[in-house]
PDB file of N, CA and C in Angstrom:
ATOM      1  N   UNK A   1     -24.944 -17.957   2.788  1.00  0.00           N
ATOM      2  CA  UNK A   1     -23.731 -18.264   2.530  1.00  0.00           C
ATOM      3  C   UNK A   1     -22.910 -16.591   2.476  1.00  0.00           C
ATOM      4  N   UNK A   2     -21.677 -16.751   3.152  1.00  0.00           N
ATOM      5  CA  UNK A   2     -20.726 -15.268   3.355  1.00  0.00           C
ATOM      6  C   UNK A   2     -20.277 -14.979   2.133  1.00  0.00           C
ATOM      7  N   UNK A   3     -19.505 -13.579   1.960  1.00  0.00           N
ATOM      8  CA  UNK A   3     -18.838 -13.445   1.026  1.00  0.00           C
ATOM      9  C   UNK A   3     -17.624 -13.997   1.088  1.00  0.00           C
ATOM     10  N   UNK A   4     -17.027 -14.441   2.266  1.00  0.00           N
ATOM     11  CA  UNK A   4     -15.985 -15.359   1.707  1.00  0.00           C
ATOM     12  C   UNK A   4     -16.072 -16.624   1.217  1.00  0.00           C
ATOM     13  N   UNK A   5     -17.374 -17.359   1.568  1.00  0.00           N
ATOM     14  CA  UNK A   5     -17.471 -18.588   1.056  1.00  0.00           C
ATOM     15  C   UNK A   5     -17.776 -18.637  -0.422  1.00  0.00           C
ATOM     16  N   UNK A   6     -18.568 -17.726  -0.565  1.00  0.00           N
ATOM     17  CA  UNK A   6     -18.584 -17.046  -2.120  1.00  0.00           C
ATOM     18  C   UNK A   6     -17.342 -16.956  -3.203  1.00  0.00           C
ATOM     19  N   UNK A   7     -16.433 -16.300  -2.578  1.00  0.00           N
ATOM     20  CA  UNK A   7     -15.121 -16.096  -3.331  1.00  0.00           C
ATOM     21  C   UNK A   7     -14.372 -17.100  -2.844  1.00  0.00           C
ATOM     22  N   UNK A   8     -14.423 -18.216  -1.797  1.00  0.00           N
ATOM     23  CA  UNK A   8     -13.734 -19.068  -1.734  1.00  0.00           C
ATOM     24  C   UNK A   8     -12.238 -19.101  -0.631  1.00  0.00           C
ATOM     25  N   UNK A   9     -12.331 -17.602  -0.267  1.00  0.00           N
ATOM     26  CA  UNK A   9     -11.145 -17.226   0.836  1.00  0.00           C
ATOM     27  C   UNK A   9     -10.771 -18.237   2.092  1.00  0.00           C
ATOM     28  N   UNK A  10     -12.033 -18.795   2.342  1.00  0.00           N
ATOM     29  CA  UNK A  10     -12.005 -19.814   3.746  1.00  0.00           C
ATOM     30  C   UNK A  10     -10.986 -20.903   3.563  1.00  0.00           C
ATOM     31  N   UNK A  11     -10.356 -21.298   2.489  1.00  0.00           N
ATOM     32  CA  UNK A  11      -9.319 -22.048   2.104  1.00  0.00           C
ATOM     33  C   UNK A  11      -8.247 -21.918   2.116  1.00  0.00           C
ATOM     34  N   UNK A  12      -7.889 -20.460   1.963  1.00  0.00           N
ATOM     35  CA  UNK A  12      -6.657 -20.033   1.914  1.00  0.00           C
ATOM     36  C   UNK A  12      -5.836 -20.095   3.228  1.00  0.00           C
ATOM     37  N   UNK A  13      -4.930 -20.407   3.007  1.00  0.00           N
ATOM     38  CA  UNK A  13      -3.646 -20.185   4.426  1.00  0.00           C
ATOM     39  C   UNK A  13      -4.021 -18.462   4.940  1.00  0.00           C
ATOM     40  N   UNK A  14      -3.890 -18.717   6.116  1.00  0.00           N
ATOM     41  CA  UNK A  14      -4.234 -17.353   6.607  1.00  0.00           C
ATOM     42  C   UNK A  14      -3.426 -16.223   6.337  1.00  0.00           C
ATOM     43  N   UNK A  15      -2.250 -16.537   6.200  1.00  0.00           N
ATOM     44  CA  UNK A  15      -1.169 -15.568   5.496  1.00  0.00           C
ATOM     45  C   UNK A  15      -1.574 -14.845   4.183  1.00  0.00           C
ATOM     46  N   UNK A  16      -2.402 -15.123   3.089  1.00  0.00           N
ATOM     47  CA  UNK A  16      -3.213 -14.847   2.336  1.00  0.00           C
ATOM     48  C   UNK A  16      -4.588 -14.159   2.504  1.00  0.00           C
ATOM     49  N   UNK A  17      -5.022 -14.138   3.557  1.00  0.00           N
ATOM     50  CA  UNK A  17      -6.058 -13.516   3.920  1.00  0.00           C
ATOM     51  C   UNK A  17      -6.274 -12.142   4.703  1.00  0.00           C
ATOM     52  N   UNK A  18      -5.162 -12.442   5.953  1.00  0.00           N
ATOM     53  CA  UNK A  18      -5.212 -11.531   6.903  1.00  0.00           C
ATOM     54  C   UNK A  18      -6.329 -11.275   7.880  1.00  0.00           C
ATOM     55  N   UNK A  19      -7.091 -10.370   7.985  1.00  0.00           N
ATOM     56  CA  UNK A  19      -8.073 -10.024   9.018  1.00  0.00           C
ATOM     57  C   UNK A  19      -9.551 -10.794   8.247  1.00  0.00           C
ATOM     58  N   UNK A  20     -10.231 -11.037   9.082  1.00  0.00           N
ATOM     59  CA  UNK A  20     -11.324 -12.068   8.952  1.00  0.00           C
ATOM     60  C   UNK A  20     -12.522 -11.340   7.729  1.00  0.00           C
ATOM     61  N   UNK A  21     -12.413 -10.028   8.153  1.00  0.00           N
ATOM     62  CA  UNK A  21     -13.215  -9.348   7.228  1.00  0.00           C
ATOM     63  C   UNK A  21     -12.662  -9.165   5.688  1.00  0.00           C
ATOM     64  N   UNK A  22     -11.382  -9.267   5.585  1.00  0.00           N
ATOM     65  CA  UNK A  22     -10.688  -9.375   4.176  1.00  0.00           C
ATOM     66  C   UNK A  22     -11.418 -10.324   3.349  1.00  0.00           C
ATOM     67  N   UNK A  23     -12.533 -10.109   2.586  1.00  0.00           N
ATOM     68  CA  UNK A  23     -13.141 -11.274   1.646  1.00  0.00           C
ATOM     69  C   UNK A  23     -13.067 -11.042   0.256  1.00  0.00           C
ATOM     70  N   UNK A  24     -12.232  -9.996  -0.197  1.00  0.00           N
ATOM     71  CA  UNK A  24     -11.867  -9.787  -1.371  1.00  0.00           C
ATOM     72  C   UNK A  24     -10.533 -10.480  -1.960  1.00  0.00           C
ATOM     73  N   UNK A  25      -9.793 -11.583  -1.769  1.00  0.00           N
ATOM     74  CA  UNK A  25      -8.662 -12.075  -1.863  1.00  0.00           C
ATOM     75  C   UNK A  25      -8.497 -12.773  -3.180  1.00  0.00           C
ATOM     76  N   UNK A  26      -9.931 -13.363  -3.508  1.00  0.00           N
ATOM     77  CA  UNK A  26      -9.666 -13.848  -5.265  1.00  0.00           C
ATOM     78  C   UNK A  26      -9.580 -12.836  -6.044  1.00  0.00           C
ATOM     79  N   UNK A  27     -10.293 -11.872  -5.680  1.00  0.00           N
ATOM     80  CA  UNK A  27     -10.344 -10.508  -6.586  1.00  0.00           C
ATOM     81  C   UNK A  27      -9.248  -9.988  -6.552  1.00  0.00           C
ATOM     82  N   UNK A  28      -8.370  -9.921  -5.542  1.00  0.00           N
ATOM     83  CA  UNK A  28      -7.202  -9.443  -5.233  1.00  0.00           C
ATOM     84  C   UNK A  28      -6.161 -10.253  -6.298  1.00  0.00           C
ATOM     85  N   UNK A  29      -6.291 -11.466  -6.297  1.00  0.00           N
ATOM     86  CA  UNK A  29      -5.338 -12.206  -7.260  1.00  0.00           C
ATOM     87  C   UNK A  29      -5.545 -12.118  -8.489  1.00  0.00           C
ATOM     88  N   UNK A  30      -6.827 -12.043  -8.784  1.00  0.00           N
ATOM     89  CA  UNK A  30      -6.996 -11.934 -10.048  1.00  0.00           C
ATOM     90  C   UNK A  30      -6.266 -10.331 -10.594  1.00  0.00           C
ATOM     91  N   UNK A  31      -6.626  -9.243  -9.963  1.00  0.00           N
ATOM     92  CA  UNK A  31      -6.151  -8.058 -10.561  1.00  0.00           C
ATOM     93  C   UNK A  31      -4.703  -8.244 -10.507  1.00  0.00           C
ATOM     94  N   UNK A  32      -4.045  -8.924  -9.394  1.00  0.00           N
ATOM     95  CA  UNK A  32      -2.371  -8.764  -9.465  1.00  0.00           C
ATOM     96  C   UNK A  32      -2.024  -9.566 -10.714  1.00  0.00           C
ATOM     97  N   UNK A  33      -2.364 -10.598 -10.694  1.00  0.00           N
ATOM     98  CA  UNK A  33      -2.377 -11.487 -11.964  1.00  0.00           C
ATOM     99  C   UNK A  33      -2.323 -10.588 -13.479  1.00  0.00           C
ATOM    100  N   UNK A  34      -3.591  -9.952 -13.592  1.00  0.00           N
ATOM    101  CA  UNK A  34      -3.758  -9.175 -14.859  1.00  0.00           C
ATOM    102  C   UNK A  34      -2.560  -8.226 -14.727  1.00  0.00           C
ATOM    103  N   UNK A  35      -2.203  -7.133 -13.578  1.00  0.00           N
ATOM    104  CA  UNK A  35      -1.187  -6.277 -13.632  1.00  0.00           C
ATOM    105  C   UNK A  35       0.201  -6.868 -13.608  1.00  0.00           C
ATOM    106  N   UNK A  36       0.334  -7.826 -13.060  1.00  0.00           N
ATOM    107  CA  UNK A  36       1.673  -8.530 -13.390  1.00  0.00           C
ATOM    108  C   UNK A  36       2.115  -8.980 -14.703  1.00  0.00           C
ATOM    109  N   UNK A  37       0.878  -9.655 -15.037  1.00  0.00           N
ATOM    110  CA  UNK A  37       0.993 -10.608 -16.431  1.00  0.00           C
ATOM    111  C   UNK A  37       0.746 -10.122 -17.514  1.00  0.00           C
ATOM    112  N   UNK A  38      -0.027  -9.231 -17.387  1.00  0.00           N
ATOM    113  CA  UNK A  38      -0.547  -8.712 -18.766  1.00  0.00           C
ATOM    114  C   UNK A  38       0.099  -7.157 -18.691  1.00  0.00           C
ATOM    115  N   UNK A  39      -0.191  -6.331 -17.750  1.00  0.00           N
ATOM    116  CA  UNK A  39       0.481  -5.070 -17.998  1.00  0.00           C
ATOM    117  C   UNK A  39       1.885  -4.926 -17.629  1.00  0.00           C
ATOM    118  N   UNK A  40       2.455  -5.909 -17.097  1.00  0.00           N
ATOM    119  CA  UNK A  40       3.793  -5.854 -16.736  1.00  0.00           C
ATOM    120  C   UNK A  40       4.379  -5.152 -15.736  1.00  0.00           C
ATOM    121  N   UNK A  41       3.732  -4.784 -14.831  1.00  0.00           N
ATOM    122  CA  UNK A  41       3.453  -3.992 -13.596  1.00  0.00           C
ATOM    123  C   UNK A  41       4.531  -4.735 -12.380  1.00  0.00           C
ATOM    124  N   UNK A  42       5.727  -4.626 -12.030  1.00  0.00           N
ATOM    125  CA  UNK A  42       6.245  -5.266 -11.048  1.00  0.00           C
ATOM    126  C   UNK A  42       5.726  -5.429  -9.735  1.00  0.00           C
ATOM    127  N   UNK A  43       5.757  -6.821  -9.343  1.00  0.00           N
ATOM    128  CA  UNK A  43       5.281  -7.123  -7.931  1.00  0.00           C
ATOM    129  C   UNK A  43       5.572  -6.022  -6.945  1.00  0.00           C
ATOM    130  N   UNK A  44       7.220  -5.246  -7.018  1.00  0.00           N
ATOM    131  CA  UNK A  44       7.600  -4.528  -6.047  1.00  0.00           C
ATOM    132  C   UNK A  44       6.835  -3.379  -6.329  1.00  0.00           C
ATOM    133  N   UNK A  45       5.927  -2.972  -7.346  1.00  0.00           N
ATOM    134  CA  UNK A  45       5.465  -1.625  -7.585  1.00  0.00           C
ATOM    135  C   UNK A  45       4.082  -1.890  -6.504  1.00  0.00           C
ATOM    136  N   UNK A  46       3.195  -3.099  -7.137  1.00  0.00           N
ATOM    137  CA  UNK A  46       2.112  -3.454  -6.058  1.00  0.00           C
ATOM    138  C   UNK A  46       2.234  -3.218  -4.676  1.00  0.00           C
ATOM    139  N   UNK A  47       3.364  -3.785  -4.424  1.00  0.00           N
ATOM    140  CA  UNK A  47       3.564  -3.588  -2.631  1.00  0.00           C
ATOM    141  C   UNK A  47       3.617  -2.705  -2.074  1.00  0.00           C
ATOM    142  N   UNK A  48       4.482  -1.697  -2.786  1.00  0.00           N
ATOM    143  CA  UNK A  48       4.692  -0.225  -2.580  1.00  0.00           C
ATOM    144  C   UNK A  48       3.247   0.562  -2.532  1.00  0.00           C
ATOM    145  N   UNK A  49       2.233   0.314  -3.688  1.00  0.00           N
ATOM    146  CA  UNK A  49       1.047   0.276  -3.389  1.00  0.00           C
ATOM    147  C   UNK A  49       0.131   0.239  -2.002  1.00  0.00           C
ATOM    148  N   UNK A  50       0.608  -1.295  -1.594  1.00  0.00           N
ATOM    149  CA  UNK A  50       0.015  -1.506  -0.227  1.00  0.00           C
ATOM    150  C   UNK A  50       0.520  -0.546   0.705  1.00  0.00           C
ATOM    151  N   UNK A  51       2.088  -0.369   0.816  1.00  0.00           N
ATOM    152  CA  UNK A  51       2.041   0.369   1.939  1.00  0.00           C
ATOM    153  C   UNK A  51       1.774   1.779   2.069  1.00  0.00           C
ATOM    154  N   UNK A  52       1.458   2.174   0.540  1.00  0.00           N
ATOM    155  CA  UNK A  52       0.968   3.391   0.460  1.00  0.00           C
ATOM    156  C   UNK A  52      -0.478   3.668   1.137  1.00  0.00           C
ATOM    157  N   UNK A  53      -1.298   2.700   1.109  1.00  0.00           N
ATOM    158  CA  UNK A  53      -2.700   2.406   1.431  1.00  0.00           C
ATOM    159  C   UNK A  53      -2.508   2.136   3.067  1.00  0.00           C
ATOM    160  N   UNK A  54      -1.418   1.643   3.775  1.00  0.00           N
ATOM    161  CA  UNK A  54      -1.341   1.392   5.308  1.00  0.00           C
ATOM    162  C   UNK A  54      -0.798   2.972   5.490  1.00  0.00           C
ATOM    163  N   UNK A  55       0.142   3.691   4.826  1.00  0.00           N
ATOM    164  CA  UNK A  55       0.622   4.879   5.981  1.00  0.00           C
ATOM    165  C   UNK A  55       0.012   5.843   5.275  1.00  0.00           C
ATOM    166  N   UNK A  56      -0.661   6.019   4.199  1.00  0.00           N
ATOM    167  CA  UNK A  56      -1.320   7.480   4.069  1.00  0.00           C
ATOM    168  C   UNK A  56      -2.800   7.108   4.214  1.00  0.00           C
ATOM    169  N   UNK A  57      -3.612   6.204   3.840  1.00  0.00           N
ATOM    170  CA  UNK A  57      -4.953   5.846   3.793  1.00  0.00           C
ATOM    171  C   UNK A  57      -5.551   5.112   5.167  1.00  0.00           C
ATOM    172  N   UNK A  58      -4.483   4.859   6.042  1.00  0.00           N
ATOM    173  CA  UNK A  58      -4.987   4.127   6.982  1.00  0.00           C
ATOM    174  C   UNK A  58      -5.404   3.050   7.000  1.00  0.00           C
ATOM    175  N   UNK A  59      -4.889   1.972   6.297  1.00  0.00           N
ATOM    176  CA  UNK A  59      -5.805   0.869   5.807  1.00  0.00           C
ATOM    177  C   UNK A  59      -4.865  -0.206   6.737  1.00  0.00           C
ATOM    178  N   UNK A  60      -5.742  -1.589   7.105  1.00  0.00           N
ATOM    179  CA  UNK A  60      -5.164  -2.445   7.997  1.00  0.00           C
ATOM    180  C   UNK A  60      -3.725  -3.015   7.134  1.00  0.00           C
ATOM    181  N   UNK A  61      -2.711  -3.123   8.291  1.00  0.00           N
ATOM    182  CA  UNK A  61      -1.691  -3.811   7.699  1.00  0.00           C
ATOM    183  C   UNK A  61      -1.404  -4.901   7.769  1.00  0.00           C
ATOM    184  N   UNK A  62      -2.324  -5.869   8.522  1.00  0.00           N
ATOM    185  CA  UNK A  62      -2.460  -7.290   8.087  1.00  0.00           C
ATOM    186  C   UNK A  62      -2.868  -7.317   6.791  1.00  0.00           C
ATOM    187  N   UNK A  63      -3.996  -6.476   6.268  1.00  0.00           N
ATOM    188  CA  UNK A  63      -4.648  -7.002   4.968  1.00  0.00           C
ATOM    189  C   UNK A  63      -3.450  -6.612   3.792  1.00  0.00           C
ATOM    190  N   UNK A  64      -2.624  -5.576   4.333  1.00  0.00           N
ATOM    191  CA  UNK A  64      -1.675  -5.135   3.183  1.00  0.00           C
ATOM    192  C   UNK A  64      -0.861  -6.207   2.935  1.00  0.00           C
ATOM    193  N   UNK A  65      -0.260  -6.873   4.213  1.00  0.00           N
ATOM    194  CA  UNK A  65       0.572  -8.316   4.380  1.00  0.00           C
ATOM    195  C   UNK A  65       0.106  -9.214   3.225  1.00  0.00           C
ATOM    196  N   UNK A  66      -1.393  -9.563   3.786  1.00  0.00           N
ATOM    197  CA  UNK A  66      -1.656 -10.820   3.139  1.00  0.00           C
ATOM    198  C   UNK A  66      -1.931 -10.337   1.487  1.00  0.00           C
ATOM    199  N   UNK A  67      -2.083  -9.295   0.806  1.00  0.00           N
ATOM    200  CA  UNK A  67      -2.202  -8.848  -0.486  1.00  0.00           C
ATOM    201  C   UNK A  67      -0.760  -8.929  -1.065  1.00  0.00           C
ATOM    202  N   UNK A  68       0.122  -8.642  -0.150  1.00  0.00           N
ATOM    203  CA  UNK A  68       1.691  -8.540  -0.569  1.00  0.00           C
ATOM    204  C   UNK A  68       1.867 -10.176  -1.036  1.00  0.00           C
ATOM    205  N   UNK A  69       1.453 -11.094   0.302  1.00  0.00           N
ATOM    206  CA  UNK A  69       1.721 -12.267  -0.064  1.00  0.00           C
ATOM    207  C   UNK A  69       1.009 -13.117  -1.498  1.00  0.00           C
ATOM    208  N   UNK A  70      -0.057 -12.699  -1.604  1.00  0.00           N
ATOM    209  CA  UNK A  70      -0.813 -13.042  -2.790  1.00  0.00           C
ATOM    210  C   UNK A  70      -0.101 -12.572  -4.079  1.00  0.00           C
ATOM    211  N   UNK A  71       0.670 -11.158  -4.038  1.00  0.00           N
ATOM    212  CA  UNK A  71       1.246 -10.518  -5.350  1.00  0.00           C
ATOM    213  C   UNK A  71       2.327 -11.626  -5.424  1.00  0.00           C
ATOM    214  N   UNK A  72       3.012 -12.094  -3.929  1.00  0.00           N
ATOM    215  CA  UNK A  72       4.197 -13.393  -4.332  1.00  0.00           C
ATOM    216  C   UNK A  72       3.825 -14.505  -5.222  1.00  0.00           C
ATOM    217  N   UNK A  73       2.505 -14.951  -4.878  1.00  0.00           N
ATOM    218  CA  UNK A  73       2.159 -15.860  -5.269  1.00  0.00           C
ATOM    219  C   UNK A  73       2.080 -15.766  -6.830  1.00  0.00           C
ATOM    220  N   UNK A  74       1.696 -14.812  -7.260  1.00  0.00           N
ATOM    221  CA  UNK A  74       1.247 -14.336  -8.479  1.00  0.00           C
ATOM    222  C   UNK A  74       2.629 -14.467  -9.472  1.00  0.00           C
ATOM    223  N   UNK A  75       3.410 -13.821  -8.759  1.00  0.00           N
ATOM    224  CA  UNK A  75       5.069 -13.613  -9.541  1.00  0.00           C
ATOM    225  C   UNK A  75       5.660 -15.036  -9.368  1.00  0.00           C
ATOM    226  N   UNK A  76       5.611 -15.722  -8.286  1.00  0.00           N
ATOM    227  CA  UNK A  76       6.412 -16.754  -7.843  1.00  0.00           C
ATOM    228  C   UNK A  76       6.024 -18.323  -8.393  1.00  0.00           C
ATOM    229  N   UNK A  77       4.703 -18.378  -8.549  1.00  0.00           N
ATOM    230  CA  UNK A  77       3.943 -19.473  -8.935  1.00  0.00           C
ATOM    231  C   UNK A  77       2.844 -19.319 -10.352  1.00  0.00           C
ATOM    232  N   UNK A  78       2.507 -18.681  -9.964  1.00  0.00           N
ATOM    233  CA  UNK A  78       1.347 -18.212 -11.715  1.00  0.00           C
ATOM    234  C   UNK A  78       2.099 -17.898 -12.421  1.00  0.00           C
ATOM    235  N   UNK A  79       2.844 -16.572 -12.761  1.00  0.00           N
ATOM    236  CA  UNK A  79       3.542 -16.498 -13.800  1.00  0.00           C
ATOM    237  C   UNK A  79       4.434 -17.326 -14.464  1.00  0.00           C
ATOM    238  N   UNK A  80       5.339 -17.994 -13.627  1.00  0.00           N
ATOM    239  CA  UNK A  80       6.484 -18.878 -14.535  1.00  0.00           C
ATOM    240  C   UNK A  80       5.344 -19.951 -15.090  1.00  0.00           C
ATOM    241  N   UNK A  81       4.220 -20.332 -14.861  1.00  0.00           N
ATOM    242  CA  UNK A  81       3.598 -21.570 -15.534  1.00  0.00           C
ATOM    243  C   UNK A  81       2.585 -21.135 -16.290  1.00  0.00           C
ATOM    244  N   UNK A  82       2.476 -19.909 -16.534  1.00  0.00           N
ATOM    245  CA  UNK A  82       1.383 -19.424 -17.228  1.00  0.00           C
ATOM    246  C   UNK A  82       0.847 -20.322 -18.471  1.00  0.00           C
ATOM    247  N   UNK A  83       1.932 -20.529 -19.053  1.00  0.00           N
ATOM    248  CA  UNK A  83       1.538 -21.252 -20.520  1.00  0.00           C
ATOM    249  C   UNK A  83       1.690 -22.900 -20.213  1.00  0.00           C
ATOM    250  N   UNK A  84       1.755 -23.316 -19.106  1.00  0.00           N
ATOM    251  CA  UNK A  84       1.262 -24.641 -18.987  1.00  0.00           C
ATOM    252  C   UNK A  84       0.358 -25.311 -19.017  1.00  0.00           C
ATOM    253  N   UNK A  85      -0.011 -26.297 -18.299  1.00  0.00           N
ATOM    254  CA  UNK A  85      -1.324 -27.141 -18.547  1.00  0.00           C
ATOM    255  C   UNK A  85      -1.972 -26.518 -17.459  1.00  0.00           C
ATOM    256  N   UNK A  86      -3.473 -26.244 -17.483  1.00  0.00           N
ATOM    257  CA  UNK A  86      -4.224 -25.806 -16.531  1.00  0.00           C
ATOM    258  C   UNK A  86      -4.197 -26.286 -15.382  1.00  0.00           C
ATOM    259  N   UNK A  87      -4.083 -27.894 -15.524  1.00  0.00           N
ATOM    260  CA  UNK A  87      -4.277 -28.739 -14.302  1.00  0.00           C
ATOM    261  C   UNK A  87      -3.018 -28.761 -13.360  1.00  0.00           C
ATOM    262  N   UNK A  88      -1.701 -28.425 -14.226  1.00  0.00           N
ATOM    263  CA  UNK A  88      -0.500 -28.043 -13.110  1.00  0.00           C
ATOM    264  C   UNK A  88      -0.548 -26.763 -12.590  1.00  0.00           C
ATOM    265  N   UNK A  89      -1.044 -25.895 -13.318  1.00  0.00           N
ATOM    266  CA  UNK A  89      -1.205 -24.643 -12.657  1.00  0.00           C
ATOM    267  C   UNK A  89      -2.134 -24.573 -11.488  1.00  0.00           C
ATOM    268  N   UNK A  90      -3.251 -25.380 -11.841  1.00  0.00           N
ATOM    269  CA  UNK A  90      -4.193 -25.182 -10.497  1.00  0.00           C
ATOM    270  C   UNK A  90      -3.925 -25.765  -9.502  1.00  0.00           C
ATOM    271  N   UNK A  91      -2.560 -26.964  -9.613  1.00  0.00           N
ATOM    272  CA  UNK A  91      -2.033 -27.809  -8.559  1.00  0.00           C
ATOM    273  C   UNK A  91      -1.110 -27.035  -7.539  1.00  0.00           C
ATOM    274  N   UNK A  92      -0.534 -26.109  -8.792  1.00  0.00           N
ATOM    275  CA  UNK A  92       0.627 -25.545  -8.073  1.00  0.00           C
ATOM    276  C   UNK A  92       0.088 -24.264  -7.376  1.00  0.00           C
ATOM    277  N   UNK A  93      -1.156 -23.705  -7.844  1.00  0.00           N
ATOM    278  CA  UNK A  93      -1.735 -22.786  -7.053  1.00  0.00           C
ATOM    279  C   UNK A  93      -2.251 -22.998  -5.913  1.00  0.00           C
ATOM    280  N   UNK A  94      -3.023 -24.276  -5.715  1.00  0.00           N
ATOM    281  CA  UNK A  94      -3.443 -25.050  -4.612  1.00  0.00           C
ATOM    282  C   UNK A  94      -2.329 -25.215  -3.437  1.00  0.00           C
ATOM    283  N   UNK A  95      -0.927 -25.976  -4.222  1.00  0.00           N
ATOM    284  CA  UNK A  95      -0.068 -25.878  -3.085  1.00  0.00           C
ATOM    285  C   UNK A  95       0.297 -24.668  -2.480  1.00  0.00           C
ATOM    286  N   UNK A  96       0.695 -23.739  -3.097  1.00  0.00           N
ATOM    287  CA  UNK A  96       1.223 -22.068  -2.660  1.00  0.00           C
ATOM    288  C   UNK A  96       0.034 -21.626  -1.706  1.00  0.00           C
ATOM    289  N   UNK A  97      -1.103 -21.640  -1.764  1.00  0.00           N
ATOM    290  CA  UNK A  97      -2.227 -20.799  -1.339  1.00  0.00           C
ATOM    291  C   UNK A  97      -2.967 -21.626  -0.073  1.00  0.00           C
ATOM    292  N   UNK A  98      -2.535 -22.908   0.189  1.00  0.00           N
ATOM    293  CA  UNK A  98      -2.831 -23.878   1.175  1.00  0.00           C
ATOM    294  C   UNK A  98      -3.661 -25.023   0.993  1.00  0.00           C
ATOM    295  N   UNK A  99      -3.588 -26.072   1.613  1.00  0.00           N
ATOM    296  CA  UNK A  99      -4.012 -27.120   1.900  1.00  0.00           C
ATOM    297  C   UNK A  99      -5.552 -27.236   1.392  1.00  0.00           C
ATOM    298  N   UNK A 100      -6.610 -26.412   1.724  1.00  0.00           N
ATOM    299  CA  UNK A 100      -7.750 -26.440   1.788  1.00  0.00           C
ATOM    300  C   UNK A 100      -8.377 -25.725   0.310  1.00  0.00           C
ATOM    301  N   UNK A 101      -7.699 -25.333  -0.364  1.00  0.00           N
ATOM    302  CA  UNK A 101      -8.034 -24.750  -1.591  1.00  0.00           C
ATOM    303  C   UNK A 101      -7.897 -25.798  -2.715  1.00  0.00           C
ATOM    304  N   UNK A 102      -7.366 -27.204  -2.710  1.00  0.00           N
ATOM    305  CA  UNK A 102      -7.241 -27.893  -3.555  1.00  0.00           C
ATOM    306  C   UNK A 102      -8.836 -28.888  -3.567  1.00  0.00           C
TER     307      UNK A 102
END
């Protein structure tokens, strides 16, 4: 099994993965959820951190764009539903992340 298969990113829409080597998007989704939902870090701050990694550290811009897209899903899909029914949250995330994630 590949790392992507273990983490499940193969079902994500490509906009949420970026380059094929980017296999930590489930981890990124979890970290973004904790930072935005528990620590109240604004998504804009996380997105600026991605810009920093691209411009200062030379990270892949496509990977940063995928991370920003996931930050948006956390902000727009997960957090507004966080106290809802788990099945509804799962369905909303599946719809947002890509048809193969369901």
